[in-house]
Amino acid sequence: MSKVVARESAPVKAAPERVLQFLRDYREGRQRILTDNYTAYRVEQGGKGEGTVYAYHFTAGGRERDYRLHVHEREDGLEEHDQMSSFMSIWTVLPASGGSTVTIEASWDGAGGIGGFFERRFAPAGLRRIYAQVLSHLQDALAVD
């Protein structure tokens, strides 16, 4: 079993503090930037940053899965740990010329054998495409707010 990692970054025309404020808002903000891959989104505890627990159903590449993530604050972003698997996502927001650079990184313990080979080969590319859309939606949402 090996670690599978998918990472996507994009510039966002907003200051890091503003981006982080938006991303910490799991009740109002976060839902606005998700793609159609995410359904049954709900906040189960908290709703603003540290200690928030939120859940969703995710569909991509012919696979479906439920997630229940617990949020931890970082100086430069957020860590979200799935309570039902090894899946973890990290949002990093760094200052950049004209605003911020936002990175989403997901990782999990991949399957072994031939299934694991295909997972390591194809899952990161699919997630990167989805994360690129999420980051585009983030830029659009911040342009409106």
Protein backbone atom coordinates (compact mmCIF):
# COMPACT_ATOMS: atom_id res chain seq x y z
CA MET A 1 0.00 0.00 0.00
CA SER A 2 1.41 3.41 -0.93
CA LYS A 3 0.34 6.99 -0.44
CA VAL A 4 -1.65 8.54 -3.30
CA VAL A 5 -1.37 12.34 -3.64
CA ALA A 6 -3.26 14.83 -5.80
CA ARG A 7 -2.35 18.53 -5.73
CA GLU A 8 -3.61 21.58 -7.60
CA SER A 9 -2.73 25.27 -7.16
CA ALA A 10 -4.10 28.48 -8.60
CA PRO A 11 -3.68 32.22 -8.13
CA VAL A 12 -6.59 33.98 -6.44
CA LYS A 13 -7.03 37.76 -6.58
CA ALA A 14 -7.68 38.22 -2.86
CA ALA A 15 -5.49 38.65 0.18
CA PRO A 16 -4.65 35.46 2.09
CA GLU A 17 -6.67 36.58 5.14
CA ARG A 18 -9.77 37.05 2.99
CA VAL A 19 -9.32 33.67 1.28
CA LEU A 20 -8.86 31.90 4.62
CA GLN A 21 -11.91 33.63 6.08
CA PHE A 22 -13.97 32.37 3.14
CA LEU A 23 -12.58 28.82 3.32
CA ARG A 24 -13.20 28.61 7.08
CA ASP A 25 -16.91 29.27 6.53
CA TYR A 26 -18.21 25.73 6.06
CA ARG A 27 -21.87 26.71 6.44
CA GLU A 28 -22.05 29.42 3.76
CA GLY A 29 -18.84 29.76 1.78
CA ARG A 30 -17.56 26.26 1.17
CA GLN A 31 -20.72 24.94 -0.48
CA ARG A 32 -20.56 27.73 -3.07
CA ILE A 33 -17.28 26.51 -4.56
CA LEU A 34 -17.88 22.76 -4.75
CA THR A 35 -18.49 21.00 -8.05
CA ASP A 36 -21.34 18.61 -8.85
CA ASN A 37 -19.07 15.78 -7.69
CA TYR A 38 -20.00 16.74 -4.11
CA THR A 39 -23.55 15.98 -2.97
CA ALA A 40 -25.36 15.61 0.37
CA TYR A 41 -23.06 18.28 1.84
CA ARG A 42 -23.79 19.05 5.49
CA VAL A 43 -22.10 20.61 8.51
CA GLU A 44 -22.43 18.34 11.53
CA GLN A 45 -20.53 20.37 14.12
CA GLY A 46 -19.26 23.93 14.31
CA GLY A 47 -19.07 25.65 10.95
CA LYS A 48 -16.21 28.13 11.28
CA GLY A 49 -12.73 26.63 11.08
CA GLU A 50 -11.12 24.62 13.89
CA GLY A 51 -13.25 21.77 15.21
CA THR A 52 -15.78 21.85 12.38
CA VAL A 53 -17.01 18.46 11.23
CA TYR A 54 -18.63 18.30 7.81
CA ALA A 55 -19.68 15.49 5.49
CA TYR A 56 -20.50 14.89 1.84
CA HIS A 57 -20.96 12.20 -0.77
CA PHE A 58 -18.33 12.29 -3.54
CA THR A 59 -18.66 10.79 -7.02
CA ALA A 60 -15.90 10.73 -9.66
CA GLY A 61 -14.49 8.31 -12.18
CA GLY A 62 -17.27 5.80 -11.66
CA ARG A 63 -16.59 5.60 -7.92
CA GLU A 64 -18.65 6.90 -5.02
CA ARG A 65 -17.71 7.44 -1.41
CA ASP A 66 -18.93 9.17 1.74
CA TYR A 67 -16.60 11.44 3.71
CA ARG A 68 -16.85 12.90 7.20
CA LEU A 69 -14.03 15.39 7.76
CA HIS A 70 -12.73 17.02 10.93
CA VAL A 71 -11.12 20.45 10.42
CA HIS A 72 -7.85 21.59 11.99
CA GLU A 73 -6.46 25.11 11.59
CA ARG A 74 -2.93 25.71 10.31
CA GLU A 75 -1.11 29.01 10.16
CA ASP A 76 -1.29 28.95 6.35
CA GLY A 77 -4.55 27.07 5.84
CA LEU A 78 -6.70 24.14 6.87
CA GLU A 79 -6.26 20.40 7.33
CA GLU A 80 -9.30 18.18 6.92
CA HIS A 81 -9.04 14.57 8.12
CA ASP A 82 -11.64 11.99 7.11
CA GLN A 83 -12.92 10.12 10.14
CA MET A 84 -13.74 7.00 8.09
CA SER A 85 -10.50 6.52 6.09
CA SER A 86 -6.92 7.69 5.63
CA PHE A 87 -8.07 10.52 3.32
CA MET A 88 -6.80 13.99 4.22
CA SER A 89 -7.01 17.30 2.39
CA ILE A 90 -4.84 20.32 3.05
CA TRP A 91 -5.71 23.82 1.89
CA THR A 92 -2.67 26.11 1.82
CA VAL A 93 -3.02 29.86 1.21
CA LEU A 94 0.17 31.84 0.63
CA PRO A 95 0.73 35.50 -0.28
CA ALA A 96 1.47 36.12 -3.94
CA SER A 97 1.71 39.05 -6.29
CA GLY A 98 -1.84 40.32 -6.83
CA GLY A 99 -3.36 38.24 -4.02
CA SER A 100 -2.75 34.64 -3.00
CA THR A 101 -1.78 31.23 -4.25
CA VAL A 102 -4.19 28.56 -3.06
CA THR A 103 -3.24 24.88 -3.10
CA ILE A 104 -5.47 21.89 -2.42
CA GLU A 105 -3.64 18.67 -1.67
CA ALA A 106 -5.38 15.37 -1.02
CA SER A 107 -3.70 12.18 0.10
CA TRP A 108 -4.75 8.72 1.17
CA ASP A 109 -3.38 5.20 1.53
CA GLY A 110 -3.88 3.58 -1.86
CA ALA A 111 -4.88 0.03 -2.61
CA GLY A 112 -2.34 -2.66 -3.33
CA GLY A 113 -1.94 -4.82 -6.41
CA ILE A 114 -3.16 -4.01 -9.89
CA GLY A 115 -6.08 -1.97 -8.54
CA GLY A 116 -3.62 0.18 -6.63
CA PHE A 117 -1.53 0.68 -9.75
CA PHE A 118 -4.53 2.08 -11.63
CA GLU A 119 -5.58 4.16 -8.61
CA ARG A 120 -2.12 5.78 -8.36
CA ARG A 121 -2.07 6.31 -12.13
CA PHE A 122 -5.53 7.81 -12.73
CA ALA A 123 -7.06 9.11 -9.48
CA PRO A 124 -4.66 12.07 -9.00
CA ALA A 125 -5.31 13.40 -12.51
CA GLY A 126 -9.07 13.21 -12.03
CA LEU A 127 -8.88 14.95 -8.67
CA ARG A 128 -6.61 17.67 -10.05
CA ARG A 129 -9.25 18.47 -12.69
CA ILE A 130 -11.96 18.68 -10.03
CA TYR A 131 -9.74 20.79 -7.74
CA ALA A 132 -8.98 23.16 -10.63
CA GLN A 133 -12.74 23.75 -10.97
CA VAL A 134 -13.09 24.25 -7.20
CA LEU A 135 -10.28 26.84 -7.26
CA SER A 136 -11.91 28.60 -10.21
CA HIS A 137 -15.20 28.71 -8.28
CA LEU A 138 -13.27 30.13 -5.29
CA GLN A 139 -11.89 32.96 -7.43
CA ASP A 140 -15.40 33.68 -8.79
CA ALA A 141 -16.96 33.65 -5.31
CA LEU A 142 -14.34 36.03 -3.90
CA ALA A 143 -14.80 38.39 -6.88
CA VAL A 144 -18.50 38.69 -5.95
CA ASP A 145 -18.13 39.01 -2.16
